[in-house]
Protein backbone atom coordinates (compact mmCIF):
# COMPACT_ATOMS: atom_id res chain seq x y z
CA SER A 1 0.00 0.00 0.00
CA GLY A 2 3.05 2.28 0.10
CA PHE A 3 2.92 2.90 3.83
CA ASN A 4 2.40 1.02 7.06
CA SER A 5 0.44 2.53 9.86
CA ILE A 6 1.14 1.89 13.51
CA GLY A 7 -2.03 1.01 15.39
CA HIS A 8 -5.03 1.68 13.19
CA MET A 9 -6.94 4.36 11.35
CA ASP A 10 -10.60 3.56 11.64
CA THR A 11 -11.79 6.41 9.41
CA MET A 12 -10.29 4.93 6.27
CA LEU A 13 -11.86 2.32 3.99
CA ARG A 14 -9.94 0.35 1.42
CA GLY A 15 -12.39 -1.46 -0.85
CA ARG A 16 -14.76 -3.18 1.51
CA HIS A 17 -12.19 -3.59 4.26
CA HIS A 18 -11.54 -1.21 7.09
CA ILE A 19 -7.86 -0.56 7.66
CA GLY A 20 -7.28 -2.47 10.86
CA HIS A 21 -4.26 -3.18 13.05
CA TYR A 22 -1.19 -3.75 10.91
CA LYS A 23 1.12 -6.61 11.76
CA GLU A 24 4.25 -4.40 11.92
CA GLY A 25 2.52 -1.68 13.93
CA GLU A 26 1.08 -4.27 16.28
CA GLU A 27 4.50 -5.88 16.85
CA PHE A 28 6.02 -2.47 17.59
CA ILE A 29 3.36 -1.65 20.20
CA GLN A 30 3.65 -5.09 21.86
CA ASN A 31 7.45 -4.64 22.05
CA VAL A 32 7.07 -1.24 23.72
CA PHE A 33 4.75 -2.72 26.36
CA GLN A 34 7.08 -5.69 27.00
CA VAL A 35 10.23 -3.59 27.34
CA LEU A 36 8.47 -1.16 29.68
CA SER A 37 7.00 -3.91 31.86
CA GLN A 38 10.55 -5.19 32.55
CA ILE A 39 11.80 -1.73 33.54
CA LEU A 40 8.93 -0.40 35.67
CA THR A 41 8.05 -1.46 39.20
CA GLY A 42 5.30 -0.93 41.76
CA LYS A 43 2.60 1.61 40.99
CA GLU A 44 3.98 2.46 37.54
CA LYS A 45 3.94 -1.19 36.53
CA SER A 46 0.29 -1.46 37.61
CA ASN A 47 -0.58 1.65 35.59
CA LEU A 48 1.17 0.17 32.56
CA ALA A 49 -0.87 -3.04 32.98
CA ILE A 50 -4.07 -0.95 32.98
CA CYS A 51 -3.00 0.85 29.77
CA TRP A 52 -2.09 -2.43 28.12
CA LEU A 53 -5.44 -3.99 29.03
CA GLN A 54 -7.30 -0.91 27.72
CA TYR A 55 -5.40 -1.29 24.44
CA GLU A 56 -6.45 -4.97 24.23
CA ILE A 57 -10.07 -3.95 24.91
CA SER A 58 -9.89 -1.41 22.06
CA LYS A 59 -8.91 -4.27 19.69
CA VAL A 60 -11.82 -6.41 20.93
CA ILE A 61 -14.22 -3.49 20.33
CA GLN A 62 -12.81 -3.11 16.82
CA CYS A 63 -13.48 -6.81 16.06
CA LEU A 64 -17.02 -6.40 17.43
CA GLN A 65 -17.67 -3.37 15.22
CA ALA A 66 -16.32 -5.13 12.13
CA LYS A 67 -18.43 -8.23 13.04
CA LYS A 68 -15.45 -10.58 12.55
CA LYS A 69 -16.39 -13.56 14.71
CA LYS A 70 -13.29 -15.69 14.07
CA LYS A 71 -10.91 -12.82 14.76
CA LEU A 72 -12.91 -11.85 17.85
CA LYS A 73 -12.52 -15.37 19.28
CA ALA A 74 -8.74 -15.38 18.78
CA GLN A 75 -8.35 -11.81 20.05
CA GLY A 76 -10.54 -12.62 23.08
CA ARG A 77 -8.37 -15.61 24.02
CA LYS A 78 -5.17 -13.55 23.81
CA SER A 79 -6.60 -10.61 25.77
CA LYS A 80 -8.05 -12.82 28.53
CA LYS A 81 -4.75 -14.66 28.95
CA LEU A 82 -2.95 -11.34 29.32
CA ALA A 83 -5.51 -10.03 31.85
CA LYS A 84 -5.27 -13.19 33.97
CA ASN A 85 -1.47 -12.99 33.98
CA PHE A 86 -1.66 -9.39 35.21
CA LEU A 87 -4.03 -10.32 38.03
CA LYS A 88 -1.76 -13.19 39.16
CA ALA A 89 1.02 -10.71 39.97
CA PRO A 90 1.10 -10.09 43.77
CA ASP A 91 1.05 -6.29 43.32
CA ASN A 92 -2.10 -6.38 41.22
CA ARG A 93 -4.32 -8.75 43.21
CA ASN A 94 -6.13 -5.91 44.95
CA ASN A 95 -6.03 -3.48 42.04
CA LEU A 96 -9.74 -2.75 41.50
CA CYS A 97 -9.06 -0.93 38.25
CA LEU A 98 -7.53 -4.06 36.68
CA TRP A 99 -10.39 -6.21 37.95
CA LYS A 100 -12.82 -3.71 36.43
CA PHE A 101 -11.22 -3.90 32.98
CA TYR A 102 -10.96 -7.69 33.14
CA ALA A 103 -14.70 -7.93 33.91
CA TYR A 104 -15.46 -5.45 31.11
CA LEU A 105 -13.41 -7.59 28.69
CA GLU A 106 -15.44 -10.70 29.62
CA TRP A 107 -18.65 -8.70 29.16
CA LEU A 108 -17.61 -7.48 25.68
CA LEU A 109 -16.80 -11.05 24.66
CA GLY A 110 -20.40 -11.99 25.48
CA ASN A 111 -19.58 -13.95 28.67
CA THR A 112 -22.09 -12.02 30.80
CA ASP A 113 -22.26 -14.57 33.64
CA ASP A 114 -18.46 -14.82 33.91
CA ALA A 115 -18.23 -11.02 33.87
CA ARG A 116 -20.77 -10.79 36.70
CA LYS A 117 -18.74 -13.28 38.73
CA VAL A 118 -15.60 -11.19 38.24
CA PHE A 119 -17.44 -7.97 39.18
CA ASP A 120 -18.99 -9.63 42.26
CA THR A 121 -15.63 -11.09 43.35
CA ALA A 122 -13.96 -7.69 42.98
CA LEU A 123 -16.74 -5.95 44.96
CA CYS A 124 -16.63 -8.61 47.70
CA THR A 125 -12.86 -8.30 48.14
CA ALA A 126 -12.85 -4.50 47.82
CA GLY A 127 -13.71 -3.92 51.47
CA THR A 128 -16.12 -1.37 52.84
CA GLY A 129 -15.00 2.00 51.50
CA GLY A 130 -18.46 2.76 50.08
CA LEU A 131 -18.86 6.18 48.51
CA LYS A 132 -15.52 7.32 49.97
CA SER A 133 -13.55 4.97 47.70
CA ALA A 134 -13.08 6.33 44.16
CA GLN A 135 -12.10 2.92 42.72
CA LEU A 136 -15.09 1.19 44.31
CA CYS A 137 -17.45 3.87 42.93
CA SER A 138 -15.90 3.57 39.48
CA LEU A 139 -16.22 -0.24 39.51
CA SER A 140 -19.85 -0.13 40.69
CA LEU A 141 -20.73 2.54 38.12
CA LEU A 142 -19.40 0.49 35.18
CA TYR A 143 -21.10 -2.69 36.46
CA ALA A 144 -24.42 -0.86 36.87
CA GLN A 145 -24.14 0.85 33.45
CA LEU A 146 -23.55 -2.50 31.72
CA GLU A 147 -26.52 -4.03 33.54
CA VAL A 148 -28.74 -1.09 32.58
CA GLU A 149 -27.86 -1.58 28.91
CA LEU A 150 -29.47 -5.03 29.09
CA LEU A 151 -32.81 -3.56 30.20
CA GLU A 152 -35.58 -3.61 27.60
CA SER A 153 -37.49 -0.77 29.28
CA ILE A 154 -37.38 1.34 32.41
CA GLU A 155 -40.54 -0.31 33.83
CA GLY A 156 -39.75 -2.39 36.88
CA ALA A 157 -36.09 -1.34 36.86
CA VAL A 158 -36.29 -0.72 40.65
CA MET A 159 -35.91 -4.47 41.16
CA SER A 160 -32.98 -4.80 38.76
CA ARG A 161 -29.42 -5.90 39.48
CA ALA A 162 -28.19 -2.37 38.68
CA VAL A 163 -30.24 -0.88 41.55
CA HIS A 164 -28.92 -3.61 43.87
CA ILE A 165 -25.31 -2.69 42.97
CA LEU A 166 -25.88 1.05 43.46
CA THR A 167 -27.76 0.49 46.73
CA LYS A 168 -25.06 -1.79 48.17
CA LEU A 169 -22.43 0.84 47.37
CA THR A 170 -24.02 3.25 49.89
CA GLU A 171 -24.24 0.73 52.75
CA ASN A 172 -20.52 0.69 53.66
CA GLY A 173 -20.86 -3.00 54.51
CA PRO A 174 -19.50 -6.07 52.71
CA TYR A 175 -21.01 -6.60 49.24
CA VAL A 176 -23.62 -9.34 48.84
CA PRO A 177 -24.28 -10.63 45.28
CA TYR A 178 -27.74 -10.00 43.77
CA SER A 179 -30.41 -12.52 44.73
CA GLY A 180 -33.36 -11.15 42.74
CA GLN A 181 -34.63 -8.82 45.50
CA VAL A 182 -34.05 -5.16 46.33
CA SER A 183 -35.83 -3.89 49.44
CA SER A 184 -37.64 -0.54 49.14
CA VAL A 185 -36.35 0.55 52.57
CA ASN A 186 -32.77 0.14 51.35
CA VAL A 187 -33.58 2.15 48.21
CA LEU A 188 -34.89 5.05 50.32
CA LYS A 189 -31.86 4.91 52.64
CA ALA A 190 -29.51 4.84 49.62
CA ARG A 191 -31.18 7.92 48.10
CA LYS A 192 -30.59 9.88 51.35
CA THR A 193 -26.97 8.70 51.52
CA TYR A 194 -26.29 9.76 47.91
CA GLU A 195 -27.91 13.13 48.51
CA HIS A 196 -25.76 13.88 51.57
CA ALA A 197 -22.57 12.57 49.95
CA LEU A 198 -23.08 14.78 46.90
CA GLN A 199 -23.77 17.87 49.01
CA ASP A 200 -20.61 17.18 51.04
CA TYR A 201 -18.47 16.86 47.91
CA LEU A 202 -19.88 19.95 46.28
CA SER A 203 -19.33 22.10 49.37
CA LYS A 204 -15.83 20.74 50.06
CA THR A 205 -12.76 22.86 49.27
CA PRO A 206 -9.68 20.75 48.40
CA VAL A 207 -6.49 21.52 50.31
CA SER A 208 -3.81 20.62 47.74
CA ASP A 209 -3.77 20.05 43.98
CA GLN A 210 -3.45 16.29 44.45
CA ASP A 211 -6.49 16.30 46.73
CA GLN A 212 -8.34 18.21 44.11
CA ILE A 213 -7.52 15.69 41.35
CA ASN A 214 -8.64 12.80 43.58
CA ASP A 215 -11.77 14.69 44.60
CA THR A 216 -12.80 15.52 41.05
CA ASP A 217 -12.43 11.87 39.95
CA GLN A 218 -14.46 10.82 42.93
CA LEU A 219 -17.09 13.50 42.29
CA VAL A 220 -17.61 12.33 38.68
CA ASN A 221 -18.12 8.73 39.81
CA LEU A 222 -20.44 9.79 42.60
CA VAL A 223 -22.57 11.96 40.29
CA GLY A 224 -22.69 9.08 37.78
CA CYS A 225 -23.84 6.55 40.39
CA TYR A 226 -26.42 8.89 41.97
CA ALA A 227 -27.89 9.98 38.61
CA LEU A 228 -28.13 6.38 37.37
CA PHE A 229 -29.75 5.37 40.67
CA GLN A 230 -32.32 8.19 40.32
CA TYR A 231 -32.94 7.24 36.68
CA LEU A 232 -33.77 3.64 37.62
CA THR A 233 -35.82 4.43 40.72
CA VAL A 234 -37.54 7.74 39.82
CA GLY A 235 -37.06 8.54 36.12
CA ILE A 236 -35.08 10.49 33.54
CA GLU A 237 -36.04 13.97 34.84
CA ALA A 238 -34.64 13.18 38.29
CA ALA A 239 -31.35 12.02 36.76
CA VAL A 240 -31.05 15.11 34.55
CA LEU A 241 -31.61 17.28 37.63
CA ILE A 242 -28.55 15.73 39.36
CA TYR A 243 -26.37 16.37 36.30
CA THR A 244 -27.60 19.97 36.07
CA GLN A 245 -26.91 20.64 39.78
CA ALA A 246 -23.43 19.12 39.61
CA SER A 247 -22.53 21.00 36.40
CA GLU A 248 -23.70 24.35 37.79
CA LYS A 249 -21.72 23.81 40.97
CA LEU A 250 -18.58 22.76 39.05
CA GLU A 251 -18.86 25.76 36.74
CA ALA A 252 -19.21 28.10 39.70
CA SER A 253 -16.21 26.53 41.50
CA GLY A 254 -14.12 26.72 38.34
CA SER A 255 -14.81 30.40 37.68
CA GLN A 256 -14.48 31.32 41.37
CA LYS A 257 -11.06 29.64 41.57
CA TYR A 258 -10.07 31.40 38.39
CA GLU A 259 -10.93 34.81 39.92
CA ASN A 260 -9.18 34.02 43.20
CA THR A 261 -5.88 32.72 41.84
CA GLY A 262 -5.79 34.43 38.47
CA GLU A 263 -4.39 31.18 37.03
CA ASN A 264 -5.53 29.60 33.82
CA PHE A 265 -8.20 27.28 35.11
CA GLY A 266 -7.44 24.72 32.40
CA THR A 267 -4.79 23.38 34.76
CA LEU A 268 -7.23 23.07 37.61
CA ASN A 269 -8.85 19.80 36.57
CA PHE A 270 -12.33 21.27 37.11
CA PRO A 271 -13.07 21.50 33.40
CA THR A 272 -12.19 17.81 33.04
CA ALA A 273 -14.69 16.91 35.77
CA LEU A 274 -17.29 19.09 34.09
CA GLU A 275 -16.53 17.42 30.74
CA ALA A 276 -16.88 13.94 32.24
CA VAL A 277 -20.21 14.84 33.88
CA THR A 278 -21.49 16.26 30.56
CA LEU A 279 -20.50 13.03 28.81
CA LEU A 280 -22.40 10.92 31.37
CA HIS A 281 -25.41 13.22 30.95
CA THR A 282 -25.53 12.98 27.13
CA ASN A 283 -24.91 9.21 27.14
CA LEU A 284 -27.82 8.65 29.53
CA LEU A 285 -30.14 10.77 27.35
CA ARG A 286 -29.08 8.79 24.27
CA PHE A 287 -29.74 5.50 26.04
CA HIS A 288 -33.14 6.67 27.30
CA MET A 289 -34.16 7.67 23.76
CA LYS A 290 -33.20 4.21 22.56
CA ILE A 291 -35.49 2.36 24.98
CA SER A 292 -38.42 4.79 25.23
CA VAL A 293 -40.14 7.72 23.55
CA TYR A 294 -38.42 10.97 24.46
CA PRO A 295 -37.93 14.27 22.57
CA LEU A 296 -34.63 14.87 20.78
CA ASN A 297 -34.32 18.52 21.81
CA PRO A 298 -32.87 18.10 25.35
CA LEU A 299 -30.08 15.92 23.96
CA ARG A 300 -29.37 18.26 21.05
CA GLU A 301 -29.20 21.27 23.39
CA ALA A 302 -26.94 19.47 25.87
CA LEU A 303 -24.59 18.41 23.05
CA THR A 304 -24.38 21.83 21.38
CA GLU A 305 -23.65 23.52 24.72
CA ALA A 306 -21.01 20.94 25.59
CA LEU A 307 -19.30 21.11 22.19
CA LYS A 308 -18.99 24.89 22.37
CA ARG A 309 -17.05 24.35 25.57
CA TYR A 310 -15.11 21.18 24.60
CA PRO A 311 -14.60 21.32 20.83
CA SER A 312 -12.00 18.51 20.89
CA ASN A 313 -14.14 15.88 22.63
CA GLN A 314 -14.54 13.06 20.11
CA SER A 315 -17.25 11.16 22.02
CA LEU A 316 -19.47 14.24 22.09
CA TRP A 317 -18.94 14.82 18.35
CA ARG A 318 -19.82 11.19 17.61
CA SER A 319 -23.08 11.56 19.51
CA TYR A 320 -23.80 14.84 17.73
CA ILE A 321 -23.29 13.31 14.27
CA HIS A 322 -25.38 10.31 15.29
CA ILE A 323 -28.40 12.46 16.17
CA GLN A 324 -27.93 14.75 13.15
CA ARG A 325 -28.22 11.76 10.81
CA LYS A 326 -31.82 11.42 11.91
CA SER A 327 -32.72 14.96 10.84
CA HIS A 328 -33.45 15.75 7.19
CA SER A 329 -32.26 19.34 7.36
CA ALA A 330 -28.51 19.75 7.24
CA SER A 331 -28.45 23.54 7.50
CA LYS A 332 -28.60 23.72 11.32
CA ALA A 333 -25.69 21.31 11.75
CA ARG A 334 -23.69 23.11 9.03
CA ARG A 335 -24.15 26.46 10.75
CA PHE A 336 -23.08 24.91 14.05
CA PHE A 337 -19.92 23.35 12.56
CA ASP A 338 -19.14 26.66 10.90
CA ASN A 339 -19.38 28.59 14.18
CA ILE A 340 -17.24 26.10 16.08
CA THR A 341 -14.48 25.94 13.44
CA ARG A 342 -14.23 29.74 13.46
CA SER A 343 -13.91 29.95 17.23
CA THR A 344 -11.39 27.16 17.96
CA ASN A 345 -8.01 25.84 16.79
CA SER A 346 -9.01 22.19 17.39
CA LEU A 347 -8.97 19.95 14.37
CA GLU A 348 -11.79 17.66 15.55
CA PRO A 349 -14.65 19.95 14.41
CA TRP A 350 -13.21 19.93 10.86
CA LEU A 351 -12.77 16.16 10.79
CA PHE A 352 -16.31 15.54 12.08
CA ALA A 353 -17.84 18.15 9.74
CA ILE A 354 -16.22 16.28 6.83
CA GLN A 355 -17.40 12.93 8.18
CA ALA A 356 -20.98 14.20 8.55
CA GLU A 357 -21.04 15.38 4.91
CA GLN A 358 -19.52 12.12 3.68
CA MET A 359 -22.24 10.17 5.49
CA ARG A 360 -24.87 12.39 3.89
CA LYS A 361 -23.30 11.81 0.45
CA LYS A 362 -23.30 8.05 0.99
CA LEU A 363 -26.96 8.14 2.00
CA THR A 364 -27.96 10.24 -1.04
CA GLU A 365 -26.14 7.89 -3.42
CA LYS A 366 -27.73 4.87 -1.76
CA VAL A 367 -31.20 6.31 -2.28
CA GLN A 368 -30.49 7.30 -5.89
CA ARG A 369 -29.16 3.84 -6.72
CA ALA A 370 -31.93 1.89 -5.01
CA ASP A 371 -33.23 -1.20 -6.91
CA VAL A 372 -31.03 -0.70 -9.97
CA GLY A 373 -27.89 -2.41 -8.74
CA GLU A 374 -24.53 -0.77 -9.39
CA ILE A 375 -25.70 1.57 -12.16
CA HIS A 376 -24.30 5.00 -11.37
CA CYS A 377 -27.01 7.60 -11.11
CA THR A 378 -27.54 9.81 -14.14
CA ILE A 379 -27.70 12.94 -12.01
CA PRO A 380 -24.49 12.99 -9.97
CA GLU A 381 -24.64 14.65 -6.55
CA THR A 382 -22.05 17.35 -7.20
CA GLY A 383 -23.28 19.79 -4.54
CA LEU A 384 -22.14 17.60 -1.66
CA THR A 385 -18.87 16.68 -3.38
CA ASN A 386 -17.98 20.35 -3.84
CA ARG A 387 -18.90 21.08 -0.23
CA ILE A 388 -16.67 18.26 1.04
CA VAL A 389 -13.74 19.42 -1.11
CA ALA A 390 -14.21 22.98 0.20
CA LEU A 391 -14.18 21.67 3.79
CA PHE A 392 -10.97 19.73 3.12
CA GLU A 393 -9.38 22.82 1.53
CA HIS A 394 -10.23 25.02 4.52
CA ALA A 395 -9.16 22.34 7.02
CA VAL A 396 -5.70 21.78 5.49
CA GLN A 397 -5.07 25.53 5.56
CA THR A 398 -5.45 25.72 9.33
CA GLU A 399 -2.37 25.60 11.59
CA ASN A 400 -3.15 22.10 12.94
CA GLY A 401 -4.64 20.78 9.71
CA THR A 402 -1.44 21.36 7.72
CA HIS A 403 0.41 18.96 10.01
CA CYS A 404 -2.25 16.24 10.28
CA PRO A 405 -1.40 13.10 8.22
CA LEU A 406 -4.89 11.66 8.78
CA LEU A 407 -6.55 14.72 7.23
CA TRP A 408 -4.29 14.60 4.14
CA ARG A 409 -4.89 10.87 3.73
CA MET A 410 -8.64 11.35 4.00
CA TYR A 411 -8.46 14.13 1.41
CA LEU A 412 -6.43 11.99 -1.04
CA ASN A 413 -8.73 9.03 -0.38
CA PHE A 414 -11.80 11.16 -1.14
CA MET A 415 -10.34 12.61 -4.33
CA VAL A 416 -9.46 9.11 -5.61
């Protein structure tokens, strides 16, 4: 092909095949991990193991998206073996983060019961930190989110495994696996506990920077757990209210700190907490729309507000493009992309604007060619082609666009 890529470029298509992980690139990355794992010790080695496992999970997700069953099986075996080896190491036995990713890997591979066993084991051995422990909150949040995704509807969700997990988290006692029952008294107690914990966190002023980083991580997990709990036991409005309260408070703290210290509050980690809370908020709205009837406007508003603030967040852009595909009018989205690209140096808005137009072009061609096989339409869609070329031209003239190999490759690919 004239070049080898390290890792993968999932935006490119060659014929029918997505460009996946290249053999040479893959070998290089594996070598880097192996060399580093021999040099590092203690905490750093554990962090490396977490990164390595996340990389393996990304490959599993890629196989799932490409629907390659054979490759998924082989990849799954390799990744599980690696995860088990990590957990055998004495330093990692109590590392909740590694347990969390191992359970997630099992879940992605379709072994739901095995994944539940791993999650339950991790929660049982994690001790009784409750809402005070950031790792325990993070583990419980992922477990509950995965369980919620299995729900067909929100009716009767109060008795679900997800509510059991989120309720147990507030009790500060040893974890007991789900037995099919959740008592209403415990649900009420849990709601009070969440409410008080959130108020405490929002009114707390961190002493040092390190405290602040730990606190913001913990706050995001806490908000996620409480909002999901409210969603399952009360409804979507109650969950949205939690996200709104937390976001307002974080915004206020961020701007207040900024005035007090005069520092650039990008270094203060508050924006990252705010970004994470926004992401949880939009993901929950998307999920709710999938399983029940709910207007699109709240999600669209939340996404446009968030993207003005975080123009380089790829997950938010993906959600935005996903909802825009459903609307027949492109003008609103085009105006929005135009405004964002003018006001920021990030390259992401350009890349996603191009992707949105390419999807639209694909859809138009599909409709025009319906039922006649591969006969190219007599009226070519030149309007969209010209628009896409103009977007590429503007993007490669920007400071960051000039130096972005992916953008140039996409441009060449499109012109071919």
